[in-house]
Amino acid sequence: QTDSCASCSQPFRWIKHTGGAHYVRCPHCNYATCCGRAVHGNCWHSPAQGELLEEVGIDPSDSIFALAERLFAAPDKDVTFALKGGEEQAHGLILSASSSVFAQMLTAPMEEKATRRINLPDVDCATMRVFLRLLYSGHANEKDWKGSYQPKSTETLATNQVPILLLLQVTVLTKKYMVTHLIDLTTQTLIKRIKATLQGQPNVDLFDEVMAGAITN
């Protein structure tokens, strides 16, 4: 079923949930409603899904999303990232398809092609896990950083919401490795989060730390 967006008047598609409820997202302006109510990114029937997943409009029940998550968890990855504090792995084909930089590293006569190993000693494991899950599925999951990354005590986070300083580091990776389908997503989400730190009761200390990190990177 299609309808016109209440925000930009462009046509969009209804998605029917098993309970009979309806969730819609406009692909043109990202305006979303669920059960007739405007929502900020999240369907009322799946509130635990990550903000970055919702930013790109992937319905959590979508079979393509489920396939991407299974691929992300698959044990047959053939490229290893040597990181600060450990290692993470990914599929070379996924990396090459997502990034011209990774494609060059893994196909040109370079050390990375021969060893299937990419050394990033300044990147921690939590940052790489978030980056890779986004690369595979556009989804953020707090299990990728819980226990290994401690958000600032002054930062209030929703379920699966990436801590802002971690999001900054992920955004840096998307730009450094030219992951075109994530650059705008992470940058716009970061901008939105920075603006949020200045609204209501401004979190000046967190804002200053984000700005310092952005300048450094």
N, C-alpha and C. Protein backbone atom coordinates (compact mmCIF):
# COMPACT_ATOMS: atom_id res chain seq x y z
N GLN A 1 0.84 -1.18 0.00
CA GLN A 1 0.00 0.00 0.00
C GLN A 1 0.88 1.24 0.00
N THR A 2 0.51 2.25 -0.78
CA THR A 2 1.28 3.49 -0.83
C THR A 2 0.44 4.66 -0.36
N ASP A 3 1.11 5.70 0.04
CA ASP A 3 0.45 6.92 0.49
C ASP A 3 1.41 8.06 0.21
N SER A 4 1.01 9.28 0.50
CA SER A 4 1.91 10.41 0.32
C SER A 4 2.44 10.87 1.67
N CYS A 5 3.69 11.31 1.69
CA CYS A 5 4.35 11.71 2.92
C CYS A 5 3.72 13.00 3.46
N ALA A 6 3.44 13.01 4.76
CA ALA A 6 2.87 14.19 5.40
C ALA A 6 3.87 15.32 5.50
N SER A 7 5.15 14.98 5.31
CA SER A 7 6.19 16.00 5.43
C SER A 7 6.57 16.61 4.08
N CYS A 8 6.84 15.74 3.05
CA CYS A 8 7.30 16.26 1.76
C CYS A 8 6.35 15.96 0.60
N SER A 9 5.23 15.25 0.88
CA SER A 9 4.19 14.95 -0.10
C SER A 9 4.59 13.94 -1.17
N GLN A 10 5.79 13.32 -1.05
CA GLN A 10 6.21 12.29 -2.00
C GLN A 10 5.56 10.96 -1.62
N PRO A 11 5.35 10.04 -2.57
CA PRO A 11 4.75 8.75 -2.25
C PRO A 11 5.69 7.86 -1.46
N PHE A 12 5.15 7.07 -0.53
CA PHE A 12 5.97 6.11 0.19
C PHE A 12 5.18 4.83 0.42
N ARG A 13 5.86 3.81 0.95
CA ARG A 13 5.28 2.46 1.07
C ARG A 13 4.96 2.13 2.52
N TRP A 14 3.81 1.51 2.74
CA TRP A 14 3.45 0.99 4.05
C TRP A 14 4.13 -0.36 4.28
N ILE A 15 4.54 -0.61 5.51
CA ILE A 15 5.07 -1.93 5.89
C ILE A 15 4.17 -2.47 7.00
N LYS A 16 3.56 -3.63 6.78
CA LYS A 16 2.63 -4.18 7.76
C LYS A 16 3.33 -5.12 8.71
N HIS A 17 3.13 -4.92 10.02
CA HIS A 17 3.72 -5.79 11.03
C HIS A 17 2.78 -6.93 11.36
N THR A 18 3.31 -7.95 12.01
CA THR A 18 2.52 -9.15 12.30
C THR A 18 1.33 -8.85 13.20
N GLY A 19 1.45 -7.84 14.04
CA GLY A 19 0.35 -7.51 14.94
C GLY A 19 -0.73 -6.68 14.28
N GLY A 20 -0.56 -6.39 12.98
CA GLY A 20 -1.55 -5.60 12.28
C GLY A 20 -1.22 -4.12 12.26
N ALA A 21 -0.16 -3.73 12.98
CA ALA A 21 0.23 -2.33 13.02
C ALA A 21 0.96 -1.96 11.73
N HIS A 22 1.06 -0.68 11.47
CA HIS A 22 1.73 -0.23 10.26
C HIS A 22 2.84 0.75 10.59
N TYR A 23 3.95 0.58 9.90
CA TYR A 23 5.11 1.45 10.07
C TYR A 23 5.54 1.93 8.69
N VAL A 24 5.71 3.21 8.51
CA VAL A 24 6.10 3.73 7.21
C VAL A 24 7.25 4.71 7.35
N ARG A 25 8.10 4.72 6.34
CA ARG A 25 9.20 5.69 6.30
C ARG A 25 9.29 6.24 4.89
N CYS A 26 9.38 7.56 4.81
CA CYS A 26 9.51 8.20 3.51
C CYS A 26 10.97 8.11 3.07
N PRO A 27 11.24 7.54 1.89
CA PRO A 27 12.63 7.42 1.42
C PRO A 27 13.22 8.75 0.95
N HIS A 28 12.34 9.75 0.82
CA HIS A 28 12.80 11.04 0.30
C HIS A 28 13.28 11.97 1.42
N CYS A 29 12.53 12.02 2.54
CA CYS A 29 12.90 12.95 3.61
C CYS A 29 13.12 12.26 4.95
N ASN A 30 12.92 10.91 5.00
CA ASN A 30 13.16 10.10 6.20
C ASN A 30 12.10 10.28 7.28
N TYR A 31 11.01 10.96 6.97
CA TYR A 31 9.90 11.11 7.92
C TYR A 31 9.27 9.74 8.15
N ALA A 32 8.95 9.41 9.40
CA ALA A 32 8.42 8.08 9.70
C ALA A 32 7.19 8.17 10.60
N THR A 33 6.26 7.24 10.40
CA THR A 33 5.12 7.12 11.28
C THR A 33 4.90 5.65 11.62
N CYS A 34 4.32 5.40 12.77
CA CYS A 34 3.95 4.04 13.18
C CYS A 34 2.59 4.12 13.85
N CYS A 35 1.65 3.33 13.35
CA CYS A 35 0.28 3.34 13.87
C CYS A 35 -0.30 4.75 13.82
N GLY A 36 0.07 5.49 12.78
CA GLY A 36 -0.47 6.82 12.62
C GLY A 36 0.23 7.91 13.42
N ARG A 37 1.27 7.54 14.17
CA ARG A 37 1.98 8.52 15.00
C ARG A 37 3.36 8.77 14.41
N ALA A 38 3.75 10.04 14.37
CA ALA A 38 5.08 10.38 13.90
C ALA A 38 6.10 9.84 14.90
N VAL A 39 7.17 9.23 14.41
CA VAL A 39 8.21 8.68 15.28
C VAL A 39 9.56 9.19 14.83
N HIS A 40 10.47 9.30 15.78
CA HIS A 40 11.82 9.78 15.47
C HIS A 40 12.72 8.58 15.21
N GLY A 41 12.60 8.03 14.00
CA GLY A 41 13.52 6.96 13.61
C GLY A 41 13.08 5.57 13.97
N ASN A 42 12.42 5.34 15.12
CA ASN A 42 12.16 3.99 15.58
C ASN A 42 10.69 3.60 15.46
N CYS A 43 10.45 2.39 14.99
CA CYS A 43 9.10 1.84 14.99
C CYS A 43 8.74 1.50 16.43
N TRP A 44 7.50 1.77 16.83
CA TRP A 44 7.10 1.46 18.22
C TRP A 44 7.21 -0.03 18.52
N HIS A 45 7.15 -0.87 17.49
CA HIS A 45 7.14 -2.31 17.70
C HIS A 45 8.53 -2.93 17.65
N SER A 46 9.54 -2.12 17.43
CA SER A 46 10.91 -2.62 17.45
C SER A 46 11.84 -1.53 17.98
N PRO A 47 11.59 -1.01 19.20
CA PRO A 47 12.33 0.15 19.71
C PRO A 47 13.79 -0.13 19.99
N ALA A 48 14.19 -1.40 20.05
CA ALA A 48 15.59 -1.70 20.39
C ALA A 48 16.53 -1.61 19.19
N GLN A 49 15.98 -1.40 18.00
CA GLN A 49 16.85 -1.33 16.84
C GLN A 49 17.68 -0.06 16.88
N GLY A 50 18.89 -0.12 16.39
CA GLY A 50 19.83 1.00 16.52
C GLY A 50 19.44 2.21 15.70
N GLU A 51 19.83 3.38 16.17
CA GLU A 51 19.48 4.62 15.50
C GLU A 51 20.05 4.67 14.08
N LEU A 52 21.23 4.10 13.87
CA LEU A 52 21.82 4.18 12.54
C LEU A 52 21.09 3.27 11.57
N LEU A 53 20.60 2.14 12.05
CA LEU A 53 19.75 1.27 11.22
C LEU A 53 18.54 2.06 10.75
N GLU A 54 17.89 2.78 11.67
CA GLU A 54 16.68 3.50 11.32
C GLU A 54 16.99 4.68 10.40
N GLU A 55 18.16 5.29 10.55
CA GLU A 55 18.52 6.42 9.71
C GLU A 55 18.50 6.04 8.22
N VAL A 56 18.89 4.82 7.90
CA VAL A 56 18.91 4.41 6.50
C VAL A 56 17.63 3.71 6.08
N GLY A 57 16.65 3.62 6.99
CA GLY A 57 15.34 3.13 6.61
C GLY A 57 15.21 1.65 6.43
N ILE A 58 16.06 0.84 7.06
CA ILE A 58 15.96 -0.61 6.93
C ILE A 58 14.96 -1.13 7.95
N ASP A 59 13.95 -1.82 7.50
CA ASP A 59 13.02 -2.42 8.43
C ASP A 59 13.68 -3.63 9.07
N PRO A 60 13.64 -3.75 10.43
CA PRO A 60 14.34 -4.83 11.11
C PRO A 60 13.90 -6.23 10.70
N SER A 61 12.69 -6.36 10.18
CA SER A 61 12.22 -7.68 9.76
C SER A 61 12.61 -8.01 8.33
N ASP A 62 13.24 -7.08 7.65
CA ASP A 62 13.61 -7.27 6.25
C ASP A 62 14.57 -8.43 6.09
N SER A 63 14.32 -9.28 5.09
CA SER A 63 15.15 -10.47 4.90
C SER A 63 16.57 -10.10 4.50
N ILE A 64 16.73 -8.97 3.78
CA ILE A 64 18.07 -8.54 3.38
C ILE A 64 18.88 -8.13 4.60
N PHE A 65 18.23 -7.42 5.52
CA PHE A 65 18.90 -7.04 6.76
C PHE A 65 19.30 -8.29 7.55
N ALA A 66 18.40 -9.25 7.66
CA ALA A 66 18.69 -10.48 8.39
C ALA A 66 19.86 -11.23 7.75
N LEU A 67 19.89 -11.25 6.43
CA LEU A 67 20.99 -11.90 5.72
C LEU A 67 22.32 -11.18 6.00
N ALA A 68 22.28 -9.85 6.01
CA ALA A 68 23.49 -9.08 6.29
C ALA A 68 24.01 -9.37 7.69
N GLU A 69 23.11 -9.50 8.65
CA GLU A 69 23.52 -9.81 10.02
C GLU A 69 24.13 -11.21 10.11
N ARG A 70 23.56 -12.16 9.39
CA ARG A 70 24.12 -13.52 9.40
C ARG A 70 25.50 -13.53 8.75
N LEU A 71 25.65 -12.76 7.69
CA LEU A 71 26.94 -12.67 7.02
C LEU A 71 27.98 -12.04 7.95
N PHE A 72 27.57 -11.03 8.69
CA PHE A 72 28.47 -10.37 9.63
C PHE A 72 28.96 -11.35 10.70
N ALA A 73 28.09 -12.26 11.10
CA ALA A 73 28.43 -13.22 12.15
C ALA A 73 29.08 -14.49 11.61
N ALA A 74 29.17 -14.64 10.31
CA ALA A 74 29.72 -15.87 9.71
C ALA A 74 31.19 -16.07 10.08
N PRO A 75 31.61 -17.33 10.25
CA PRO A 75 32.98 -17.61 10.70
C PRO A 75 34.02 -17.68 9.58
N ASP A 76 33.60 -17.51 8.33
CA ASP A 76 34.52 -17.74 7.21
C ASP A 76 35.18 -16.46 6.69
N LYS A 77 35.41 -15.50 7.55
CA LYS A 77 36.03 -14.24 7.14
C LYS A 77 37.49 -14.48 6.79
N ASP A 78 37.96 -13.77 5.78
CA ASP A 78 39.31 -14.04 5.27
C ASP A 78 40.27 -12.86 5.38
N VAL A 79 39.84 -11.76 6.00
CA VAL A 79 40.72 -10.61 6.21
C VAL A 79 40.74 -10.28 7.69
N THR A 80 41.94 -10.07 8.22
CA THR A 80 42.10 -9.77 9.65
C THR A 80 42.60 -8.34 9.83
N PHE A 81 41.93 -7.62 10.73
CA PHE A 81 42.39 -6.29 11.13
C PHE A 81 43.18 -6.43 12.42
N ALA A 82 44.46 -6.07 12.39
CA ALA A 82 45.28 -6.06 13.61
C ALA A 82 45.13 -4.69 14.25
N LEU A 83 44.52 -4.67 15.44
CA LEU A 83 44.10 -3.42 16.07
C LEU A 83 44.76 -3.21 17.43
N LYS A 84 44.49 -2.05 17.98
CA LYS A 84 44.96 -1.77 19.33
C LYS A 84 44.16 -2.62 20.31
N GLY A 85 44.79 -3.62 20.88
CA GLY A 85 44.12 -4.46 21.88
C GLY A 85 43.51 -5.73 21.34
N GLY A 86 43.69 -6.04 20.06
CA GLY A 86 43.12 -7.29 19.56
C GLY A 86 42.96 -7.31 18.06
N GLU A 87 42.08 -8.19 17.59
CA GLU A 87 41.86 -8.36 16.16
C GLU A 87 40.36 -8.46 15.87
N GLU A 88 39.98 -8.04 14.67
CA GLU A 88 38.63 -8.24 14.16
C GLU A 88 38.76 -8.73 12.73
N GLN A 89 37.75 -9.45 12.25
CA GLN A 89 37.82 -10.01 10.91
C GLN A 89 36.63 -9.59 10.06
N ALA A 90 36.81 -9.68 8.74
CA ALA A 90 35.75 -9.34 7.79
C ALA A 90 35.98 -10.12 6.51
N HIS A 91 34.98 -10.11 5.65
CA HIS A 91 35.09 -10.75 4.34
C HIS A 91 35.73 -9.78 3.36
N GLY A 92 36.75 -10.23 2.68
CA GLY A 92 37.43 -9.39 1.72
C GLY A 92 36.51 -8.86 0.63
N LEU A 93 35.57 -9.70 0.17
CA LEU A 93 34.65 -9.27 -0.88
C LEU A 93 33.76 -8.12 -0.41
N ILE A 94 33.32 -8.19 0.85
CA ILE A 94 32.48 -7.13 1.41
C ILE A 94 33.29 -5.84 1.53
N LEU A 95 34.51 -5.96 2.02
CA LEU A 95 35.36 -4.78 2.17
C LEU A 95 35.63 -4.13 0.81
N SER A 96 35.97 -4.95 -0.18
CA SER A 96 36.29 -4.41 -1.51
C SER A 96 35.08 -3.78 -2.18
N ALA A 97 33.91 -4.38 -1.98
CA ALA A 97 32.69 -3.84 -2.58
C ALA A 97 32.26 -2.54 -1.92
N SER A 98 32.66 -2.35 -0.66
CA SER A 98 32.22 -1.19 0.10
C SER A 98 33.19 -0.02 0.03
N SER A 99 34.44 -0.29 -0.29
CA SER A 99 35.47 0.74 -0.19
C SER A 99 36.51 0.58 -1.30
N SER A 100 36.71 1.64 -2.07
CA SER A 100 37.74 1.59 -3.11
C SER A 100 39.13 1.50 -2.50
N VAL A 101 39.30 2.02 -1.30
CA VAL A 101 40.59 1.94 -0.62
C VAL A 101 40.89 0.50 -0.23
N PHE A 102 39.92 -0.16 0.40
CA PHE A 102 40.12 -1.57 0.76
C PHE A 102 40.30 -2.42 -0.50
N ALA A 103 39.56 -2.11 -1.55
CA ALA A 103 39.68 -2.87 -2.80
C ALA A 103 41.10 -2.79 -3.35
N GLN A 104 41.68 -1.59 -3.30
CA GLN A 104 43.05 -1.41 -3.77
C GLN A 104 44.03 -2.19 -2.90
N MET A 105 43.83 -2.14 -1.60
CA MET A 105 44.74 -2.82 -0.67
C MET A 105 44.71 -4.34 -0.87
N LEU A 106 43.52 -4.87 -1.19
CA LEU A 106 43.35 -6.32 -1.24
C LEU A 106 43.50 -6.92 -2.63
N THR A 107 43.62 -6.08 -3.65
CA THR A 107 43.76 -6.61 -5.01
C THR A 107 45.05 -6.18 -5.70
N ALA A 108 45.60 -5.05 -5.30
CA ALA A 108 46.86 -4.58 -5.90
C ALA A 108 48.03 -5.35 -5.27
N PRO A 109 49.20 -5.33 -5.92
CA PRO A 109 50.37 -6.02 -5.36
C PRO A 109 50.91 -5.29 -4.13
N MET A 110 50.18 -5.43 -3.03
CA MET A 110 50.55 -4.80 -1.77
C MET A 110 50.63 -5.86 -0.69
N GLU A 111 51.20 -5.50 0.43
CA GLU A 111 51.37 -6.45 1.54
C GLU A 111 50.03 -7.01 2.00
N GLU A 112 49.00 -6.16 2.04
CA GLU A 112 47.70 -6.60 2.52
C GLU A 112 47.10 -7.71 1.65
N LYS A 113 47.37 -7.66 0.34
CA LYS A 113 46.85 -8.70 -0.54
C LYS A 113 47.51 -10.04 -0.23
N ALA A 114 48.80 -10.00 0.03
CA ALA A 114 49.55 -11.25 0.28
C ALA A 114 49.23 -11.84 1.64
N THR A 115 49.09 -10.99 2.65
CA THR A 115 48.92 -11.48 4.03
C THR A 115 47.47 -11.56 4.45
N ARG A 116 46.57 -10.87 3.72
CA ARG A 116 45.15 -10.75 4.10
C ARG A 116 45.05 -10.17 5.52
N ARG A 117 45.94 -9.25 5.80
CA ARG A 117 46.02 -8.65 7.13
C ARG A 117 46.21 -7.14 6.98
N ILE A 118 45.38 -6.37 7.70
CA ILE A 118 45.44 -4.91 7.65
C ILE A 118 45.78 -4.40 9.04
N ASN A 119 46.91 -3.72 9.16
CA ASN A 119 47.37 -3.24 10.46
C ASN A 119 46.87 -1.82 10.72
N LEU A 120 46.08 -1.68 11.77
CA LEU A 120 45.56 -0.37 12.20
C LEU A 120 45.80 -0.22 13.70
N PRO A 121 47.03 0.01 14.11
CA PRO A 121 47.37 0.02 15.53
C PRO A 121 46.75 1.15 16.34
N ASP A 122 46.21 2.16 15.67
CA ASP A 122 45.59 3.28 16.39
C ASP A 122 44.08 3.14 16.53
N VAL A 123 43.52 2.06 15.99
CA VAL A 123 42.07 1.83 16.05
C VAL A 123 41.77 0.72 17.05
N ASP A 124 40.85 0.97 17.97
CA ASP A 124 40.52 -0.06 18.96
C ASP A 124 39.45 -1.00 18.42
N CYS A 125 39.27 -2.13 19.10
CA CYS A 125 38.37 -3.18 18.62
C CYS A 125 36.91 -2.73 18.59
N ALA A 126 36.48 -1.97 19.60
CA ALA A 126 35.09 -1.53 19.65
C ALA A 126 34.76 -0.65 18.45
N THR A 127 35.66 0.27 18.12
CA THR A 127 35.45 1.13 16.97
C THR A 127 35.34 0.32 15.69
N MET A 128 36.22 -0.66 15.52
CA MET A 128 36.20 -1.48 14.31
C MET A 128 34.95 -2.35 14.25
N ARG A 129 34.49 -2.90 15.37
CA ARG A 129 33.28 -3.72 15.36
C ARG A 129 32.07 -2.90 14.93
N VAL A 130 31.95 -1.69 15.48
CA VAL A 130 30.83 -0.82 15.10
C VAL A 130 30.92 -0.46 13.62
N PHE A 131 32.12 -0.11 13.18
CA PHE A 131 32.35 0.23 11.78
C PHE A 131 31.97 -0.93 10.86
N LEU A 132 32.41 -2.13 11.19
CA LEU A 132 32.15 -3.29 10.32
C LEU A 132 30.67 -3.65 10.30
N ARG A 133 30.00 -3.61 11.45
CA ARG A 133 28.57 -3.94 11.44
C ARG A 133 27.79 -2.92 10.59
N LEU A 134 28.16 -1.66 10.72
CA LEU A 134 27.53 -0.64 9.88
C LEU A 134 27.79 -0.92 8.40
N LEU A 135 29.02 -1.31 8.10
CA LEU A 135 29.40 -1.58 6.72
C LEU A 135 28.57 -2.73 6.15
N TYR A 136 28.34 -3.77 6.97
CA TYR A 136 27.58 -4.94 6.53
C TYR A 136 26.08 -4.65 6.45
N SER A 137 25.52 -4.01 7.49
CA SER A 137 24.06 -3.96 7.59
C SER A 137 23.46 -2.60 7.88
N GLY A 138 24.28 -1.59 8.14
CA GLY A 138 23.74 -0.28 8.50
C GLY A 138 23.17 -0.24 9.90
N HIS A 139 23.49 -1.25 10.71
CA HIS A 139 22.90 -1.41 12.04
C HIS A 139 23.95 -1.20 13.12
N ALA A 140 23.57 -0.55 14.21
CA ALA A 140 24.44 -0.42 15.37
C ALA A 140 23.89 -1.29 16.49
N ASN A 141 24.76 -2.03 17.17
CA ASN A 141 24.34 -2.91 18.26
C ASN A 141 25.28 -2.71 19.44
N GLU A 142 24.71 -2.38 20.59
CA GLU A 142 25.53 -2.01 21.74
C GLU A 142 26.43 -3.14 22.23
N LYS A 143 26.15 -4.38 21.87
CA LYS A 143 27.03 -5.47 22.28
C LYS A 143 28.41 -5.34 21.65
N ASP A 144 28.53 -4.52 20.59
CA ASP A 144 29.82 -4.33 19.94
C ASP A 144 30.76 -3.47 20.76
N TRP A 145 30.23 -2.70 21.71
CA TRP A 145 31.12 -1.87 22.54
C TRP A 145 30.92 -2.05 24.05
N LYS A 146 29.84 -2.68 24.47
CA LYS A 146 29.61 -2.87 25.90
C LYS A 146 30.72 -3.72 26.50
N GLY A 147 31.27 -3.25 27.60
CA GLY A 147 32.33 -3.98 28.29
C GLY A 147 33.72 -3.62 27.84
N SER A 148 33.84 -3.01 26.65
CA SER A 148 35.16 -2.65 26.15
C SER A 148 35.30 -1.16 25.89
N TYR A 149 34.17 -0.45 25.93
CA TYR A 149 34.20 0.99 25.73
C TYR A 149 33.25 1.62 26.73
N GLN A 150 33.73 2.58 27.48
CA GLN A 150 32.94 3.21 28.51
C GLN A 150 32.51 4.61 28.08
N PRO A 151 31.20 4.81 27.83
CA PRO A 151 30.74 6.16 27.45
C PRO A 151 30.97 7.14 28.60
N LYS A 152 30.97 8.41 28.27
CA LYS A 152 31.10 9.43 29.29
C LYS A 152 29.91 9.37 30.25
N SER A 153 30.16 9.54 31.54
CA SER A 153 29.10 9.44 32.54
C SER A 153 28.04 10.52 32.34
N THR A 154 28.40 11.60 31.66
CA THR A 154 27.45 12.69 31.43
C THR A 154 26.59 12.48 30.20
N GLU A 155 26.83 11.40 29.46
CA GLU A 155 26.10 11.15 28.23
C GLU A 155 24.96 10.18 28.46
N THR A 156 23.74 10.59 28.12
CA THR A 156 22.57 9.73 28.24
C THR A 156 22.30 9.06 26.90
N LEU A 157 22.27 7.73 26.89
CA LEU A 157 22.14 6.98 25.64
C LEU A 157 20.88 6.13 25.62
N ALA A 158 20.23 6.08 24.47
CA ALA A 158 19.13 5.16 24.25
C ALA A 158 19.71 3.79 23.92
N THR A 159 18.85 2.76 23.91
CA THR A 159 19.31 1.42 23.56
C THR A 159 19.93 1.41 22.18
N ASN A 160 21.12 0.82 22.08
CA ASN A 160 21.87 0.69 20.83
C ASN A 160 22.35 2.01 20.24
N GLN A 161 22.26 3.08 21.02
CA GLN A 161 22.76 4.36 20.53
C GLN A 161 24.27 4.43 20.76
N VAL A 162 25.01 4.67 19.68
CA VAL A 162 26.47 4.66 19.76
C VAL A 162 26.95 5.88 20.56
N PRO A 163 27.82 5.67 21.55
CA PRO A 163 28.39 6.82 22.27
C PRO A 163 29.01 7.81 21.30
N ILE A 164 28.85 9.08 21.55
CA ILE A 164 29.20 10.09 20.56
C ILE A 164 30.69 10.11 20.21
N LEU A 165 31.56 9.87 21.19
CA LEU A 165 32.99 9.86 20.88
C LEU A 165 33.37 8.63 20.06
N LEU A 166 32.70 7.52 20.30
CA LEU A 166 32.90 6.31 19.49
C LEU A 166 32.36 6.54 18.08
N LEU A 167 31.22 7.20 17.98
CA LEU A 167 30.65 7.53 16.68
C LEU A 167 31.60 8.42 15.88
N LEU A 168 32.26 9.33 16.56
CA LEU A 168 33.24 10.20 15.90
C LEU A 168 34.35 9.37 15.27
N GLN A 169 34.87 8.39 16.01
CA GLN A 169 35.95 7.56 15.50
C GLN A 169 35.49 6.70 14.31
N VAL A 170 34.26 6.22 14.39
CA VAL A 170 33.71 5.44 13.28
C VAL A 170 33.55 6.33 12.04
N THR A 171 33.09 7.56 12.24
CA THR A 171 32.93 8.50 11.14
C THR A 171 34.27 8.77 10.46
N VAL A 172 35.32 8.89 11.27
CA VAL A 172 36.67 9.09 10.73
C VAL A 172 37.06 7.91 9.83
N LEU A 173 36.75 6.69 10.25
CA LEU A 173 37.08 5.51 9.45
C LEU A 173 36.31 5.49 8.13
N THR A 174 35.03 5.86 8.16
CA THR A 174 34.24 5.86 6.92
C THR A 174 34.83 6.81 5.89
N LYS A 175 35.37 7.93 6.37
CA LYS A 175 35.96 8.91 5.44
C LYS A 175 37.36 8.48 5.01
N LYS A 176 38.14 7.96 5.94
CA LYS A 176 39.50 7.56 5.62
C LYS A 176 39.51 6.46 4.56
N TYR A 177 38.57 5.52 4.66
CA TYR A 177 38.54 4.40 3.73
C TYR A 177 37.45 4.56 2.66
N MET A 178 36.89 5.76 2.57
CA MET A 178 35.97 6.13 1.48
C MET A 178 34.82 5.12 1.34
N VAL A 179 34.17 4.83 2.48
CA VAL A 179 33.00 3.96 2.45
C VAL A 179 31.80 4.85 2.14
N THR A 180 31.53 5.02 0.86
CA THR A 180 30.62 6.07 0.42
C THR A 180 29.21 5.93 0.98
N HIS A 181 28.71 4.70 1.17
CA HIS A 181 27.35 4.54 1.65
C HIS A 181 27.22 4.81 3.14
N LEU A 182 28.34 5.02 3.84
CA LEU A 182 28.29 5.32 5.26
C LEU A 182 28.73 6.74 5.61
N ILE A 183 29.44 7.40 4.71
CA ILE A 183 29.99 8.72 5.04
C ILE A 183 28.88 9.70 5.42
N ASP A 184 27.88 9.83 4.57
CA ASP A 184 26.80 10.78 4.87
C ASP A 184 26.00 10.34 6.08
N LEU A 185 25.74 9.04 6.18
CA LEU A 185 24.98 8.50 7.31
C LEU A 185 25.64 8.83 8.64
N THR A 186 26.91 8.49 8.79
CA THR A 186 27.59 8.72 10.06
C THR A 186 27.82 10.20 10.32
N THR A 187 28.12 10.95 9.27
CA THR A 187 28.36 12.39 9.45
C THR A 187 27.09 13.10 9.90
N GLN A 188 25.98 12.82 9.25
CA GLN A 188 24.73 13.47 9.62
C GLN A 188 24.26 13.06 11.01
N THR A 189 24.45 11.78 11.35
CA THR A 189 24.09 11.32 12.69
C THR A 189 24.96 12.01 13.74
N LEU A 190 26.25 12.15 13.44
CA LEU A 190 27.16 12.83 14.37
C LEU A 190 26.75 14.29 14.55
N ILE A 191 26.42 14.97 13.47
CA ILE A 191 25.99 16.37 13.55
C ILE A 191 24.74 16.49 14.42
N LYS A 192 23.79 15.56 14.20
CA LYS A 192 22.56 15.58 14.99
C LYS A 192 22.84 15.38 16.47
N ARG A 193 23.76 14.47 16.76
CA ARG A 193 24.11 14.21 18.16
C ARG A 193 24.84 15.39 18.79
N ILE A 194 25.71 16.04 18.02
CA ILE A 194 26.43 17.22 18.53
C ILE A 194 25.43 18.33 18.86
N LYS A 195 24.47 18.54 17.96
CA LYS A 195 23.45 19.56 18.21
C LYS A 195 22.67 19.24 19.48
N ALA A 196 22.41 17.94 19.69
CA ALA A 196 21.65 17.54 20.86
C ALA A 196 22.39 17.86 22.16
N THR A 197 23.73 17.83 22.12
CA THR A 197 24.50 18.14 23.34
C THR A 197 24.38 19.61 23.72
N LEU A 198 23.92 20.44 22.78
CA LEU A 198 23.82 21.88 23.04
C LEU A 198 22.39 22.32 23.32
N GLN A 199 21.44 21.39 23.26
CA GLN A 199 20.05 21.72 23.51
C GLN A 199 19.67 21.40 24.95
N GLY A 200 18.61 22.02 25.43
CA GLY A 200 18.16 21.79 26.80
C GLY A 200 19.20 22.28 27.78
N GLN A 201 19.79 21.33 28.48
CA GLN A 201 20.89 21.64 29.39
C GLN A 201 22.18 21.24 28.67
N PRO A 202 22.88 22.19 28.09
CA PRO A 202 24.05 21.89 27.26
C PRO A 202 25.13 21.10 28.01
N ASN A 203 25.61 20.03 27.36
CA ASN A 203 26.70 19.24 27.91
C ASN A 203 28.00 19.80 27.33
N VAL A 204 28.47 20.88 27.91
CA VAL A 204 29.59 21.62 27.35
C VAL A 204 30.88 20.79 27.35
N ASP A 205 31.12 20.06 28.42
CA ASP A 205 32.35 19.26 28.51
C ASP A 205 32.40 18.21 27.40
N LEU A 206 31.27 17.52 27.17
CA LEU A 206 31.22 16.50 26.12
C LEU A 206 31.37 17.16 24.75
N PHE A 207 30.72 18.29 24.55
CA PHE A 207 30.83 19.01 23.29
C PHE A 207 32.29 19.39 23.02
N ASP A 208 32.97 19.91 24.04
CA ASP A 208 34.38 20.30 23.87
C ASP A 208 35.24 19.10 23.52
N GLU A 209 34.96 17.95 24.11
CA GLU A 209 35.77 16.76 23.85
C GLU A 209 35.53 16.25 22.42
N VAL A 210 34.29 16.32 21.97
CA VAL A 210 34.00 15.91 20.60
C VAL A 210 34.70 16.84 19.61
N MET A 211 34.64 18.13 19.88
CA MET A 211 35.29 19.08 18.99
C MET A 211 36.81 18.87 18.96
N ALA A 212 37.37 18.59 20.11
CA ALA A 212 38.81 18.33 20.17
C ALA A 212 39.17 17.08 19.37
N GLY A 213 38.34 16.05 19.49
CA GLY A 213 38.57 14.83 18.74
C GLY A 213 38.42 15.03 17.24
N ALA A 214 37.45 15.86 16.85
CA ALA A 214 37.23 16.13 15.43
C ALA A 214 38.42 16.89 14.84
N ILE A 215 38.96 17.84 15.59
CA ILE A 215 40.11 18.62 15.12
C ILE A 215 41.33 17.73 15.00
N THR A 216 41.53 16.86 15.98
CA THR A 216 42.69 15.97 15.98
C THR A 216 42.67 15.01 14.79
N ASN A 217 41.46 14.55 14.43
CA ASN A 217 41.33 13.57 13.35
C ASN A 217 41.08 14.23 12.01
